[in-house]
């Protein structure tokens, strides 16, 4: 397949200008060591926790491990019920299943694609107790987190934020994603708003005991070396080089997020095709990790854009409750908004290094559909 003239993403444009500092970081790790859980990890954990407005960050291997470890650190285990949305490609559901817990799927708000607080309240009010809620800030937009947190408090449920796509998103009172729940999970996959040159993740929390459990769970459940105390531990550690690469990028994150909002504003102002619905995007509570439009003719629109040399993708085509491994158990689950969005969503290029000229090409191609 030919390389698109306008890529969906281009990590080379981010990491290329940072090649010198990255090489210096790699040289220091190689010459000084250690390679795992060294001073670079500690420094990044401290800086990232401070950035999020939390007391603790625990570096782990990837974002899905972060969700699993966060859930386990809050006490979620076998047989517990966990409420979550079903529109994010099984990432949170995979973590729930890894805990031996049962996913309870809740529908989302139509234009926001995040948990519907009223439906979540109804799910939490059922006779069967819900042990925890995973609130995913999908596409970079904060969920209705204050309402969600209020429901969790009323019903005694743990709140875990899935911040994999929301690094730096802020509420009206200035609180950042990751500072609202009992714990939060971040991914540092290369295409994330803050991405490693490889994989990585973090658990963020204000609770020192929860942080200690997360640190133990990321390394075999050790209390001290070779002595396992906590069940459910795993080998999931953010490596030293990735931590240093993330740390050198952290001061650039807010500027990158601002550029994403600029691109979103251009799209919102410029795309005027009657068959393409463009949700409002781009306040402080939205770091526009993905710019997603909707069309009842989604597949035809995707083909049209690809033929025009524009990278695009579907995030995400199969709701969790319709995935083969869960479909039978959730045959009676109805999530009409989630299902309609799965059939209509299409992601357009939106990353900080995208040029204005490229954004105009995308807008023109959409309007020529």
Protein backbone atom coordinates (compact mmCIF):
# COMPACT_ATOMS: atom_id res chain seq x y z
CA UNK A 1 0.00 0.00 0.00
CA UNK A 2 1.47 3.42 -0.92
CA UNK A 3 2.46 5.81 1.87
CA UNK A 4 -0.31 8.43 2.28
CA UNK A 5 0.51 11.97 1.21
CA UNK A 6 -1.04 13.08 4.52
CA UNK A 7 -0.29 10.45 7.19
CA UNK A 8 -2.66 9.58 9.99
CA UNK A 9 0.28 9.93 12.32
CA UNK A 10 4.03 10.42 11.88
CA UNK A 11 6.11 9.60 14.94
CA UNK A 12 9.27 10.34 12.93
CA UNK A 13 8.30 14.02 12.91
CA UNK A 14 8.21 13.99 16.71
CA UNK A 15 11.29 11.92 17.45
CA UNK A 16 13.47 13.10 14.55
CA UNK A 17 14.10 16.58 16.05
CA UNK A 18 14.78 14.91 19.42
CA UNK A 19 17.35 12.46 18.03
CA UNK A 20 20.27 14.27 19.70
CA UNK A 21 18.81 14.35 23.24
CA UNK A 22 17.55 10.78 22.82
CA UNK A 23 21.01 9.58 21.78
CA UNK A 24 22.52 11.37 24.77
CA UNK A 25 19.98 9.70 27.09
CA UNK A 26 20.76 6.29 25.58
CA UNK A 27 24.49 6.88 26.01
CA UNK A 28 24.05 7.77 29.66
CA UNK A 29 21.97 4.66 30.34
CA UNK A 30 24.53 2.50 28.52
CA UNK A 31 27.50 4.00 30.34
CA UNK A 32 26.01 4.59 33.77
CA UNK A 33 23.21 2.02 34.17
CA UNK A 34 21.05 0.62 35.57
CA UNK A 35 18.76 -0.25 32.68
CA UNK A 36 15.67 -1.06 34.78
CA UNK A 37 14.16 1.00 37.63
CA UNK A 38 17.06 3.40 37.78
CA UNK A 39 17.27 7.11 38.60
CA UNK A 40 15.69 8.10 35.28
CA UNK A 41 12.54 6.17 36.14
CA UNK A 42 12.38 7.75 39.59
CA UNK A 43 12.91 11.24 38.16
CA UNK A 44 10.22 10.78 35.52
CA UNK A 45 7.76 9.30 38.01
CA UNK A 46 8.22 12.33 40.27
CA UNK A 47 7.88 14.82 37.40
CA UNK A 48 4.86 13.11 35.86
CA UNK A 49 3.02 12.81 39.18
CA UNK A 50 3.60 16.53 39.75
CA UNK A 51 2.39 17.33 36.23
CA UNK A 52 -0.82 15.37 36.82
CA UNK A 53 -1.37 16.96 40.23
CA UNK A 54 -1.01 13.67 42.07
CA UNK A 55 1.38 12.48 44.77
CA UNK A 56 2.62 9.30 43.11
CA UNK A 57 3.33 7.79 39.69
CA UNK A 58 4.45 4.20 39.18
CA UNK A 59 6.05 3.39 35.83
CA UNK A 60 4.95 0.11 34.23
CA UNK A 61 5.38 -1.73 30.95
CA UNK A 62 2.36 -0.42 29.02
CA UNK A 63 -1.06 1.15 29.37
CA UNK A 64 -3.06 -2.07 29.66
CA UNK A 65 -0.76 -3.30 32.42
CA UNK A 66 -1.31 0.07 34.10
CA UNK A 67 -5.07 -0.52 34.08
CA UNK A 68 -4.72 -4.06 35.42
CA UNK A 69 -2.27 -3.05 38.15
CA UNK A 70 -4.40 -0.04 39.12
CA UNK A 71 -7.49 -2.23 39.45
CA UNK A 72 -5.64 -4.88 41.46
CA UNK A 73 -4.04 -2.23 43.68
CA UNK A 74 -7.50 -0.90 44.53
CA UNK A 75 -8.60 -4.41 45.54
CA UNK A 76 -10.49 -5.59 42.45
CA UNK A 77 -10.33 -9.35 42.16
CA UNK A 78 -12.07 -12.54 41.14
CA UNK A 79 -15.82 -12.23 40.81
CA UNK A 80 -15.97 -8.46 41.27
CA UNK A 81 -18.10 -6.43 38.88
CA UNK A 82 -16.49 -3.46 37.11
CA UNK A 83 -18.50 -0.85 35.17
CA UNK A 84 -16.95 0.58 32.02
CA UNK A 85 -17.68 1.74 28.49
CA UNK A 86 -17.52 -0.72 25.59
CA UNK A 87 -16.15 1.55 22.86
CA UNK A 88 -12.36 1.42 23.25
CA UNK A 89 -11.11 -1.80 21.65
CA UNK A 90 -11.08 -4.04 24.75
CA UNK A 91 -8.21 -2.23 26.49
CA UNK A 92 -10.00 -1.69 29.80
CA UNK A 93 -12.04 -4.87 29.41
CA UNK A 94 -8.83 -6.87 28.97
CA UNK A 95 -7.54 -5.49 32.25
CA UNK A 96 -10.83 -6.28 34.00
CA UNK A 97 -10.74 -9.87 32.76
CA UNK A 98 -7.09 -10.20 33.81
CA UNK A 99 -8.22 -9.42 37.36
CA UNK A 100 -10.77 -12.26 37.21
CA UNK A 101 -13.52 -9.64 37.37
CA UNK A 102 -16.70 -9.24 35.32
CA UNK A 103 -17.21 -6.28 32.97
CA UNK A 104 -20.51 -4.40 33.29
CA UNK A 105 -20.90 -2.33 30.15
CA UNK A 106 -22.52 1.10 30.26
CA UNK A 107 -23.48 3.20 27.23
CA UNK A 108 -21.87 6.53 26.37
CA UNK A 109 -22.92 10.08 25.57
CA UNK A 110 -23.59 10.58 21.86
CA UNK A 111 -21.26 13.51 21.09
CA UNK A 112 -18.63 12.79 23.75
CA UNK A 113 -18.14 9.00 23.53
CA UNK A 114 -17.55 8.84 27.30
CA UNK A 115 -19.61 7.19 30.04
CA UNK A 116 -23.16 8.49 30.35
CA UNK A 117 -23.37 9.54 34.03
CA UNK A 118 -27.10 8.87 34.30
CA UNK A 119 -26.75 5.35 32.93
CA UNK A 120 -23.74 4.74 35.17
CA UNK A 121 -25.75 5.86 38.20
CA UNK A 122 -28.46 3.36 37.24
CA UNK A 123 -25.90 0.58 36.87
CA UNK A 124 -24.39 1.35 40.27
CA UNK A 125 -27.84 1.38 41.87
CA UNK A 126 -28.58 -2.22 40.87
CA UNK A 127 -28.83 -4.87 43.57
CA UNK A 128 -25.66 -6.61 42.37
CA UNK A 129 -22.82 -4.43 43.68
CA UNK A 130 -20.26 -2.85 41.37
CA UNK A 131 -16.80 -2.92 42.91
CA UNK A 132 -15.15 -0.41 40.57
CA UNK A 133 -15.70 1.95 37.64
CA UNK A 134 -13.22 2.55 34.83
CA UNK A 135 -13.84 6.01 33.33
CA UNK A 136 -12.09 6.30 29.96
CA UNK A 137 -11.27 9.80 28.72
CA UNK A 138 -11.72 8.69 25.12
CA UNK A 139 -10.10 10.47 22.16
CA UNK A 140 -8.50 12.95 24.60
CA UNK A 141 -11.68 14.43 26.09
CA UNK A 142 -12.31 14.29 29.84
CA UNK A 143 -15.31 12.17 30.75
CA UNK A 144 -17.99 13.80 32.91
CA UNK A 145 -15.65 12.96 35.74
CA UNK A 146 -17.19 15.00 38.55
CA UNK A 147 -20.58 13.34 38.07
CA UNK A 148 -18.94 9.93 37.70
CA UNK A 149 -16.89 10.42 40.87
CA UNK A 150 -20.02 11.49 42.74
CA UNK A 151 -21.81 8.30 41.74
CA UNK A 152 -18.83 6.23 42.83
CA UNK A 153 -18.79 7.88 46.23
CA UNK A 154 -22.52 7.38 46.75
CA UNK A 155 -22.32 3.69 45.91
CA UNK A 156 -18.95 2.84 47.42
CA UNK A 157 -17.27 2.01 44.10
CA UNK A 158 -13.60 2.52 43.36
CA UNK A 159 -12.87 4.94 40.50
CA UNK A 160 -10.02 4.23 38.08
CA UNK A 161 -9.41 6.74 35.30
CA UNK A 162 -8.23 5.43 31.94
CA UNK A 163 -6.07 8.34 30.80
CA UNK A 164 -4.31 6.57 27.94
CA UNK A 165 -5.47 9.23 25.47
CA UNK A 166 -5.78 12.25 27.77
CA UNK A 167 -2.33 13.35 28.97
CA UNK A 168 -2.75 16.95 30.11
CA UNK A 169 -6.53 17.34 29.74
CA UNK A 170 -7.82 19.78 32.38
CA UNK A 171 -11.17 20.42 34.01
CA UNK A 172 -12.64 23.90 34.41
CA UNK A 173 -11.01 24.20 37.85
CA UNK A 174 -7.59 23.26 36.46
CA UNK A 175 -7.34 19.66 37.63
CA UNK A 176 -5.66 17.34 35.17
CA UNK A 177 -6.65 13.90 34.00
CA UNK A 178 -5.35 11.37 36.48
CA UNK A 179 -6.10 13.42 39.61
CA UNK A 180 -9.80 12.60 40.05
CA UNK A 181 -9.96 8.87 40.75
CA UNK A 182 -8.57 6.54 43.38
CA UNK A 183 -6.05 5.62 40.68
CA UNK A 184 -5.39 6.41 37.04
CA UNK A 185 -3.71 4.53 34.20
CA UNK A 186 -1.65 6.12 31.43
CA UNK A 187 -0.20 4.66 28.25
CA UNK A 188 3.00 5.96 26.67
CA UNK A 189 2.62 4.11 23.37
CA UNK A 190 4.58 6.08 20.73
CA UNK A 191 1.52 7.74 19.16
CA UNK A 192 0.08 8.98 22.48
CA UNK A 193 0.14 12.69 23.33
CA UNK A 194 3.15 11.83 25.49
CA UNK A 195 4.74 8.80 23.85
CA UNK A 196 7.84 6.70 24.40
CA UNK A 197 10.13 5.37 21.69
CA UNK A 198 8.59 1.98 22.41
CA UNK A 199 6.04 0.95 25.00
CA UNK A 200 5.39 2.19 28.52
CA UNK A 201 2.72 3.15 31.03
CA UNK A 202 2.12 4.50 34.51
CA UNK A 203 -0.26 4.22 37.43
CA UNK A 204 -0.96 7.59 39.06
CA UNK A 205 -2.56 8.01 42.48
CA UNK A 206 -2.74 10.26 45.50
CA UNK A 207 -2.85 7.30 47.90
CA UNK A 208 0.57 6.22 49.24
CA UNK A 209 -0.66 2.74 50.18
CA UNK A 210 -2.17 2.18 46.73
CA UNK A 211 1.08 3.40 45.16
CA UNK A 212 3.06 0.94 47.28
CA UNK A 213 0.81 -1.91 46.16
CA UNK A 214 1.21 -0.86 42.53
CA UNK A 215 5.01 -0.82 42.91
CA UNK A 216 4.87 -4.32 44.37
CA UNK A 217 2.47 -5.63 41.70
CA UNK A 218 4.64 -4.34 38.83
CA UNK A 219 7.46 -6.55 40.07
CA UNK A 220 6.10 -10.01 40.94
CA UNK A 221 4.21 -8.81 44.01
CA UNK A 222 7.51 -8.47 45.86
CA UNK A 223 7.60 -7.04 49.36
CA UNK A 224 11.37 -7.06 49.00
CA UNK A 225 13.64 -8.78 46.50
CA UNK A 226 12.64 -12.41 45.83
CA UNK A 227 9.93 -12.33 48.50
CA UNK A 228 6.43 -12.19 46.99
CA UNK A 229 3.69 -10.82 49.19
CA UNK A 230 0.85 -9.66 46.93
CA UNK A 231 -1.01 -12.10 44.65
CA UNK A 232 -1.52 -11.08 41.03
CA UNK A 233 1.91 -9.55 40.55
CA UNK A 234 3.60 -9.45 37.16
CA UNK A 235 6.78 -8.34 35.46
CA UNK A 236 5.81 -4.91 34.14
CA UNK A 237 8.42 -2.19 34.58
CA UNK A 238 9.02 1.04 32.69
CA UNK A 239 12.60 0.79 31.48
CA UNK A 240 15.21 3.43 32.16
CA UNK A 241 15.68 4.61 28.57
CA UNK A 242 11.96 5.08 27.92
CA UNK A 243 11.59 6.98 31.19
CA UNK A 244 14.36 9.39 30.19
CA UNK A 245 12.86 9.87 26.73
CA UNK A 246 9.47 10.62 28.29
CA UNK A 247 11.01 13.01 30.80
CA UNK A 248 12.75 15.09 28.13
CA UNK A 249 9.43 15.40 26.24
CA UNK A 250 7.25 16.30 29.23
CA UNK A 251 7.97 20.08 29.04
CA UNK A 252 6.79 20.01 25.40
CA UNK A 253 3.47 18.29 26.08
CA UNK A 254 1.28 21.34 26.70
CA UNK A 255 2.51 22.98 23.50
CA UNK A 256 1.84 19.81 21.54
CA UNK A 257 -1.67 19.66 22.99
CA UNK A 258 -2.30 23.28 22.04
CA UNK A 259 -1.31 22.49 18.45
CA UNK A 260 -3.73 19.55 18.40
CA UNK A 261 -6.50 21.95 19.46
CA UNK A 262 -5.54 24.34 16.63
CA UNK A 263 -5.89 21.55 14.08
CA UNK A 264 -9.22 20.50 15.58
CA UNK A 265 -10.46 24.09 15.29
CA UNK A 266 -9.44 24.18 11.61
CA UNK A 267 -11.34 20.98 10.94
CA UNK A 268 -14.42 22.15 12.83
CA UNK A 269 -14.48 25.41 10.91
CA UNK A 270 -13.66 23.95 7.52
CA UNK A 271 -15.44 20.60 7.11
CA UNK A 272 -18.87 21.38 5.76
CA UNK A 273 -20.09 18.18 4.10
CA UNK A 274 -23.69 17.28 5.01
CA UNK A 275 -22.79 13.58 5.43
CA UNK A 276 -19.92 14.24 7.84
CA UNK A 277 -20.75 15.13 11.43
CA UNK A 278 -17.94 16.95 13.24
CA UNK A 279 -18.39 16.96 17.05
CA UNK A 280 -17.29 20.08 18.93
CA UNK A 281 -13.71 19.60 20.15
CA UNK A 282 -10.80 21.40 21.68
CA UNK A 283 -11.39 23.04 25.08
CA UNK A 284 -8.90 22.70 27.93
CA UNK A 285 -10.66 19.46 28.86
CA UNK A 286 -9.83 17.97 25.45
CA UNK A 287 -6.29 17.25 24.24
CA UNK A 288 -7.59 15.84 20.92
CA UNK A 289 -5.61 12.62 20.93
CA UNK A 290 -7.80 11.47 18.03
CA UNK A 291 -9.97 13.69 15.83
CA UNK A 292 -13.01 11.56 15.11
CA UNK A 293 -15.87 12.43 12.77
CA UNK A 294 -19.07 10.47 12.12
CA UNK A 295 -20.73 9.47 8.89
CA UNK A 296 -23.48 7.02 8.06
CA UNK A 297 -21.41 6.46 4.90
CA UNK A 298 -18.23 5.84 6.87
CA UNK A 299 -16.77 3.07 4.72
CA UNK A 300 -17.26 5.06 1.53
CA UNK A 301 -15.72 8.13 3.17
CA UNK A 302 -12.73 6.09 4.31
CA UNK A 303 -12.22 4.73 0.79
CA UNK A 304 -12.52 8.24 -0.65
CA UNK A 305 -9.90 9.67 1.72
CA UNK A 306 -7.48 6.80 1.23
CA UNK A 307 -7.79 7.19 -2.54
CA UNK A 308 -6.93 10.86 -2.06
CA UNK A 309 -3.76 9.93 -0.17
CA UNK A 310 -5.07 10.79 3.28
CA UNK A 311 -4.42 8.43 6.17
CA UNK A 312 -7.49 7.57 8.24
CA UNK A 313 -8.66 4.74 10.47
CA UNK A 314 -11.62 3.49 12.53
CA UNK A 315 -11.31 3.91 16.30
CA UNK A 316 -13.04 1.56 17.09
CA UNK A 317 -15.10 -0.78 14.88
CA UNK A 318 -16.16 -3.57 17.29
CA UNK A 319 -17.69 -2.75 20.68
CA UNK A 320 -16.38 -4.85 23.57
CA UNK A 321 -19.70 -6.57 24.20
CA UNK A 322 -19.70 -7.75 20.57
CA UNK A 323 -16.13 -9.10 20.64
CA UNK A 324 -16.00 -12.87 20.03
CA UNK A 325 -14.67 -13.62 23.53
CA UNK A 326 -17.52 -11.72 25.22
CA UNK A 327 -20.42 -11.84 22.75
CA UNK A 328 -22.07 -14.94 24.21
CA UNK A 329 -21.91 -13.74 27.81
CA UNK A 330 -23.26 -10.31 26.81
CA UNK A 331 -25.81 -11.40 24.20
CA UNK A 332 -28.52 -9.48 26.03
CA UNK A 333 -26.52 -6.26 26.42
CA UNK A 334 -27.87 -3.32 24.42
CA UNK A 335 -25.72 -0.21 24.00
CA UNK A 336 -27.38 1.71 21.15
CA UNK A 337 -25.11 4.77 21.19
CA UNK A 338 -21.94 2.68 21.36
CA UNK A 339 -23.13 0.44 18.54
CA UNK A 340 -24.16 3.37 16.32
CA UNK A 341 -20.79 5.05 16.85
CA UNK A 342 -18.88 1.88 16.01
CA UNK A 343 -20.60 1.93 12.63
CA UNK A 344 -19.98 5.64 11.94
CA UNK A 345 -16.65 6.78 13.45
CA UNK A 346 -13.65 7.72 11.33
CA UNK A 347 -10.38 9.24 12.56
CA UNK A 348 -8.71 12.03 10.57
CA UNK A 349 -5.03 13.02 10.84
CA UNK A 350 -4.42 15.15 13.94
CA UNK A 351 -0.95 15.27 15.46
CA UNK A 352 1.16 18.28 16.48
CA UNK A 353 3.52 18.12 13.51
CA UNK A 354 0.72 18.12 10.93
CA UNK A 355 1.08 21.28 8.84
CA UNK A 356 -1.67 23.78 8.10
CA UNK A 357 -1.32 22.92 4.43
CA UNK A 358 -1.89 19.23 5.18
CA UNK A 359 -4.92 20.05 7.32
CA UNK A 360 -6.32 22.04 4.41
CA UNK A 361 -5.83 19.05 2.11
CA UNK A 362 -7.83 16.91 4.57
CA UNK A 363 -10.62 19.51 4.77
CA UNK A 364 -10.82 19.85 0.98
CA UNK A 365 -10.96 16.08 0.51
CA UNK A 366 -13.76 15.76 3.08
CA UNK A 367 -15.77 18.48 1.40
CA UNK A 368 -15.29 16.81 -2.00
CA UNK A 369 -16.72 13.51 -0.73
